[in-house]
Amino acid sequence: MELGSAAEVLLSHSTRACLLVVGRHAAGQHGVRRIGSVAHRALHHAPCPVVVVPHA
């Protein structure tokens, strides 16, 4: 287990990854679906491709 923010830990490990898969988890207002902060950071800062999966 590693301590730190989820986004920072994922990004530090993504340097050795071929693909990063994250959940979209974020509750929006009035039923609007939003992307969570961890998924947002991964999409914008990961050095590898990122797949964001919706809640099933």
PDB file of N, CA and C in Angstrom:
ATOM      1  N   MET A   1       0.844  -1.153   0.000  1.00  0.00           N
ATOM      2  CA  MET A   1       0.000   0.000   0.000  1.00  0.00           C
ATOM      3  C   MET A   1       0.903   1.233   0.000  1.00  0.00           C
ATOM      4  N   GLU A   2       0.456   2.232  -0.723  1.00  0.00           N
ATOM      5  CA  GLU A   2       1.220   3.471  -0.824  1.00  0.00           C
ATOM      6  C   GLU A   2       0.364   4.625  -0.327  1.00  0.00           C
ATOM      7  N   LEU A   3       0.961   5.515   0.426  1.00  0.00           N
ATOM      8  CA  LEU A   3       0.223   6.673   0.922  1.00  0.00           C
ATOM      9  C   LEU A   3       0.351   7.831  -0.054  1.00  0.00           C
ATOM     10  N   GLY A   4      -0.692   8.641  -0.107  1.00  0.00           N
ATOM     11  CA  GLY A   4      -0.703   9.805  -0.982  1.00  0.00           C
ATOM     12  C   GLY A   4      -2.064   9.932  -1.633  1.00  0.00           C
ATOM     13  N   SER A   5      -2.238  10.983  -2.405  1.00  0.00           N
ATOM     14  CA  SER A   5      -3.517  11.149  -3.093  1.00  0.00           C
ATOM     15  C   SER A   5      -3.632  10.082  -4.176  1.00  0.00           C
ATOM     16  N   ALA A   6      -4.841   9.633  -4.417  1.00  0.00           N
ATOM     17  CA  ALA A   6      -5.059   8.577  -5.412  1.00  0.00           C
ATOM     18  C   ALA A   6      -4.515   8.987  -6.773  1.00  0.00           C
ATOM     19  N   ALA A   7      -4.755  10.219  -7.166  1.00  0.00           N
ATOM     20  CA  ALA A   7      -4.295  10.686  -8.479  1.00  0.00           C
ATOM     21  C   ALA A   7      -2.775  10.660  -8.569  1.00  0.00           C
ATOM     22  N   GLU A   8      -2.094  11.139  -7.550  1.00  0.00           N
ATOM     23  CA  GLU A   8      -0.629  11.185  -7.585  1.00  0.00           C
ATOM     24  C   GLU A   8      -0.021   9.788  -7.606  1.00  0.00           C
ATOM     25  N   VAL A   9      -0.579   8.871  -6.821  1.00  0.00           N
ATOM     26  CA  VAL A   9      -0.054   7.500  -6.790  1.00  0.00           C
ATOM     27  C   VAL A   9      -0.279   6.822  -8.145  1.00  0.00           C
ATOM     28  N   LEU A  10      -1.472   6.975  -8.713  1.00  0.00           N
ATOM     29  CA  LEU A  10      -1.741   6.388 -10.032  1.00  0.00           C
ATOM     30  C   LEU A  10      -0.816   6.962 -11.093  1.00  0.00           C
ATOM     31  N   LEU A  11      -0.637   8.264 -11.085  1.00  0.00           N
ATOM     32  CA  LEU A  11       0.223   8.893 -12.086  1.00  0.00           C
ATOM     33  C   LEU A  11       1.673   8.447 -11.939  1.00  0.00           C
ATOM     34  N   SER A  12       2.137   8.272 -10.712  1.00  0.00           N
ATOM     35  CA  SER A  12       3.525   7.842 -10.530  1.00  0.00           C
ATOM     36  C   SER A  12       3.737   6.418 -11.056  1.00  0.00           C
ATOM     37  N   HIS A  13       2.723   5.567 -10.940  1.00  0.00           N
ATOM     38  CA  HIS A  13       2.834   4.196 -11.441  1.00  0.00           C
ATOM     39  C   HIS A  13       2.528   4.097 -12.932  1.00  0.00           C
ATOM     40  N   SER A  14       1.849   5.081 -13.481  1.00  0.00           N
ATOM     41  CA  SER A  14       1.468   5.017 -14.898  1.00  0.00           C
ATOM     42  C   SER A  14       2.657   5.187 -15.832  1.00  0.00           C
ATOM     43  N   THR A  15       3.799   5.596 -15.306  1.00  0.00           N
ATOM     44  CA  THR A  15       4.984   5.737 -16.158  1.00  0.00           C
ATOM     45  C   THR A  15       5.459   4.386 -16.678  1.00  0.00           C
ATOM     46  N   ARG A  16       5.069   3.306 -15.982  1.00  0.00           N
ATOM     47  CA  ARG A  16       5.460   1.956 -16.402  1.00  0.00           C
ATOM     48  C   ARG A  16       4.292   1.188 -17.019  1.00  0.00           C
ATOM     49  N   ALA A  17       3.180   1.864 -17.268  1.00  0.00           N
ATOM     50  CA  ALA A  17       1.975   1.186 -17.751  1.00  0.00           C
ATOM     51  C   ALA A  17       1.757   1.395 -19.246  1.00  0.00           C
ATOM     52  N   CYS A  18       1.083   0.435 -19.851  1.00  0.00           N
ATOM     53  CA  CYS A  18       0.684   0.557 -21.262  1.00  0.00           C
ATOM     54  C   CYS A  18      -0.703   1.174 -21.368  1.00  0.00           C
ATOM     55  N   LEU A  19      -1.497   1.047 -20.286  1.00  0.00           N
ATOM     56  CA  LEU A  19      -2.871   1.539 -20.268  1.00  0.00           C
ATOM     57  C   LEU A  19      -3.285   1.758 -18.820  1.00  0.00           C
ATOM     58  N   LEU A  20      -4.011   2.829 -18.569  1.00  0.00           N
ATOM     59  CA  LEU A  20      -4.533   3.127 -17.234  1.00  0.00           C
ATOM     60  C   LEU A  20      -6.053   3.132 -17.326  1.00  0.00           C
ATOM     61  N   VAL A  21      -6.710   2.351 -16.475  1.00  0.00           N
ATOM     62  CA  VAL A  21      -8.170   2.272 -16.457  1.00  0.00           C
ATOM     63  C   VAL A  21      -8.651   2.832 -15.129  1.00  0.00           C
ATOM     64  N   VAL A  22      -9.522   3.838 -15.184  1.00  0.00           N
ATOM     65  CA  VAL A  22     -10.039   4.471 -13.971  1.00  0.00           C
ATOM     66  C   VAL A  22     -11.559   4.564 -14.060  1.00  0.00           C
ATOM     67  N   GLY A  23     -12.197   4.653 -12.903  1.00  0.00           N
ATOM     68  CA  GLY A  23     -13.644   4.834 -12.861  1.00  0.00           C
ATOM     69  C   GLY A  23     -14.009   6.305 -13.001  1.00  0.00           C
ATOM     70  N   ARG A  24     -15.220   6.553 -13.427  1.00  0.00           N
ATOM     71  CA  ARG A  24     -15.665   7.918 -13.672  1.00  0.00           C
ATOM     72  C   ARG A  24     -16.267   8.558 -12.421  1.00  0.00           C
ATOM     73  N   HIS A  25     -16.371   7.892 -11.348  1.00  0.00           N
ATOM     74  CA  HIS A  25     -17.102   8.248 -10.143  1.00  0.00           C
ATOM     75  C   HIS A  25     -17.133   9.741  -9.809  1.00  0.00           C
ATOM     76  N   ALA A  26     -18.266  10.351 -10.024  1.00  0.00           N
ATOM     77  CA  ALA A  26     -18.523  11.716  -9.572  1.00  0.00           C
ATOM     78  C   ALA A  26     -20.016  11.949  -9.661  1.00  0.00           C
ATOM     79  N   ALA A  27     -20.566  12.506  -8.617  1.00  0.00           N
ATOM     80  CA  ALA A  27     -21.999  12.786  -8.620  1.00  0.00           C
ATOM     81  C   ALA A  27     -22.225  14.214  -9.094  1.00  0.00           C
ATOM     82  N   GLY A  28     -23.020  14.355 -10.099  1.00  0.00           N
ATOM     83  CA  GLY A  28     -23.328  15.688 -10.606  1.00  0.00           C
ATOM     84  C   GLY A  28     -24.678  16.154 -10.085  1.00  0.00           C
ATOM     85  N   GLN A  29     -24.973  17.395 -10.284  1.00  0.00           N
ATOM     86  CA  GLN A  29     -26.252  17.941  -9.852  1.00  0.00           C
ATOM     87  C   GLN A  29     -27.322  17.637 -10.887  1.00  0.00           C
ATOM     88  N   HIS A  30     -28.540  17.407 -10.433  1.00  0.00           N
ATOM     89  CA  HIS A  30     -29.699  17.213 -11.302  1.00  0.00           C
ATOM     90  C   HIS A  30     -29.519  16.039 -12.258  1.00  0.00           C
ATOM     91  N   GLY A  31     -28.835  14.996 -11.809  1.00  0.00           N
ATOM     92  CA  GLY A  31     -28.664  13.806 -12.623  1.00  0.00           C
ATOM     93  C   GLY A  31     -27.616  13.918 -13.710  1.00  0.00           C
ATOM     94  N   VAL A  32     -26.912  15.043 -13.778  1.00  0.00           N
ATOM     95  CA  VAL A  32     -25.858  15.218 -14.777  1.00  0.00           C
ATOM     96  C   VAL A  32     -24.657  14.389 -14.344  1.00  0.00           C
ATOM     97  N   ARG A  33     -24.146  13.584 -15.235  1.00  0.00           N
ATOM     98  CA  ARG A  33     -22.986  12.749 -14.908  1.00  0.00           C
ATOM     99  C   ARG A  33     -21.714  13.522 -15.182  1.00  0.00           C
ATOM    100  N   ARG A  34     -20.829  13.474 -14.210  1.00  0.00           N
ATOM    101  CA  ARG A  34     -19.563  14.193 -14.325  1.00  0.00           C
ATOM    102  C   ARG A  34     -18.405  13.238 -14.139  1.00  0.00           C
ATOM    103  N   ILE A  35     -17.239  13.705 -14.507  1.00  0.00           N
ATOM    104  CA  ILE A  35     -16.033  12.908 -14.323  1.00  0.00           C
ATOM    105  C   ILE A  35     -15.387  13.320 -12.995  1.00  0.00           C
ATOM    106  N   GLY A  36     -14.884  12.352 -12.257  1.00  0.00           N
ATOM    107  CA  GLY A  36     -14.258  12.632 -10.974  1.00  0.00           C
ATOM    108  C   GLY A  36     -12.877  13.260 -11.114  1.00  0.00           C
ATOM    109  N   SER A  37     -12.360  13.771 -10.018  1.00  0.00           N
ATOM    110  CA  SER A  37     -11.076  14.480 -10.046  1.00  0.00           C
ATOM    111  C   SER A  37      -9.902  13.557 -10.373  1.00  0.00           C
ATOM    112  N   VAL A  38      -9.954  12.305  -9.915  1.00  0.00           N
ATOM    113  CA  VAL A  38      -8.861  11.370 -10.205  1.00  0.00           C
ATOM    114  C   VAL A  38      -8.853  11.034 -11.696  1.00  0.00           C
ATOM    115  N   ALA A  39     -10.017  10.741 -12.252  1.00  0.00           N
ATOM    116  CA  ALA A  39     -10.107  10.450 -13.689  1.00  0.00           C
ATOM    117  C   ALA A  39      -9.679  11.664 -14.509  1.00  0.00           C
ATOM    118  N   HIS A  40     -10.073  12.843 -14.081  1.00  0.00           N
ATOM    119  CA  HIS A  40      -9.706  14.076 -14.794  1.00  0.00           C
ATOM    120  C   HIS A  40      -8.193  14.263 -14.821  1.00  0.00           C
ATOM    121  N   ARG A  41      -7.548  14.083 -13.672  1.00  0.00           N
ATOM    122  CA  ARG A  41      -6.081  14.218 -13.626  1.00  0.00           C
ATOM    123  C   ARG A  41      -5.394  13.167 -14.472  1.00  0.00           C
ATOM    124  N   ALA A  42      -5.915  11.938 -14.429  1.00  0.00           N
ATOM    125  CA  ALA A  42      -5.322  10.867 -15.228  1.00  0.00           C
ATOM    126  C   ALA A  42      -5.425  11.192 -16.717  1.00  0.00           C
ATOM    127  N   LEU A  43      -6.583  11.647 -17.149  1.00  0.00           N
ATOM    128  CA  LEU A  43      -6.775  11.982 -18.566  1.00  0.00           C
ATOM    129  C   LEU A  43      -5.815  13.067 -19.032  1.00  0.00           C
ATOM    130  N   HIS A  44      -5.552  14.030 -18.178  1.00  0.00           N
ATOM    131  CA  HIS A  44      -4.747  15.184 -18.584  1.00  0.00           C
ATOM    132  C   HIS A  44      -3.253  15.053 -18.293  1.00  0.00           C
ATOM    133  N   HIS A  45      -2.864  14.089 -17.440  1.00  0.00           N
ATOM    134  CA  HIS A  45      -1.459  14.044 -17.035  1.00  0.00           C
ATOM    135  C   HIS A  45      -0.775  12.685 -17.181  1.00  0.00           C
ATOM    136  N   ALA A  46      -1.512  11.620 -17.429  1.00  0.00           N
ATOM    137  CA  ALA A  46      -0.877  10.299 -17.550  1.00  0.00           C
ATOM    138  C   ALA A  46      -0.084  10.210 -18.853  1.00  0.00           C
ATOM    139  N   PRO A  47       1.086   9.582 -18.804  1.00  0.00           N
ATOM    140  CA  PRO A  47       1.909   9.437 -20.003  1.00  0.00           C
ATOM    141  C   PRO A  47       1.449   8.296 -20.920  1.00  0.00           C
ATOM    142  N   CYS A  48       0.450   7.536 -20.475  1.00  0.00           N
ATOM    143  CA  CYS A  48      -0.052   6.411 -21.266  1.00  0.00           C
ATOM    144  C   CYS A  48      -1.529   6.654 -21.585  1.00  0.00           C
ATOM    145  N   PRO A  49      -2.109   5.870 -22.483  1.00  0.00           N
ATOM    146  CA  PRO A  49      -3.540   6.003 -22.764  1.00  0.00           C
ATOM    147  C   PRO A  49      -4.371   5.732 -21.508  1.00  0.00           C
ATOM    148  N   VAL A  50      -5.513   6.429 -21.397  1.00  0.00           N
ATOM    149  CA  VAL A  50      -6.394   6.297 -20.231  1.00  0.00           C
ATOM    150  C   VAL A  50      -7.800   5.934 -20.710  1.00  0.00           C
ATOM    151  N   VAL A  51      -8.395   4.943 -20.059  1.00  0.00           N
ATOM    152  CA  VAL A  51      -9.784   4.572 -20.317  1.00  0.00           C
ATOM    153  C   VAL A  51     -10.576   4.914 -19.066  1.00  0.00           C
ATOM    154  N   VAL A  52     -11.674   5.662 -19.226  1.00  0.00           N
ATOM    155  CA  VAL A  52     -12.545   6.005 -18.103  1.00  0.00           C
ATOM    156  C   VAL A  52     -13.808   5.161 -18.234  1.00  0.00           C
ATOM    157  N   VAL A  53     -14.086   4.363 -17.191  1.00  0.00           N
ATOM    158  CA  VAL A  53     -15.212   3.442 -17.233  1.00  0.00           C
ATOM    159  C   VAL A  53     -16.345   3.972 -16.368  1.00  0.00           C
ATOM    160  N   PRO A  54     -17.562   4.001 -16.911  1.00  0.00           N
ATOM    161  CA  PRO A  54     -18.698   4.452 -16.105  1.00  0.00           C
ATOM    162  C   PRO A  54     -19.096   3.397 -15.075  1.00  0.00           C
ATOM    163  N   HIS A  55     -19.825   3.826 -14.075  1.00  0.00           N
ATOM    164  CA  HIS A  55     -20.344   2.908 -13.061  1.00  0.00           C
ATOM    165  C   HIS A  55     -21.365   1.992 -13.725  1.00  0.00           C
ATOM    166  N   ALA A  56     -21.278   0.716 -13.445  1.00  0.00           N
ATOM    167  CA  ALA A  56     -22.206  -0.240 -14.083  1.00  0.00           C
ATOM    168  C   ALA A  56     -23.415  -0.486 -13.217  1.00  0.00           C
TER     169      ALA A  56
END
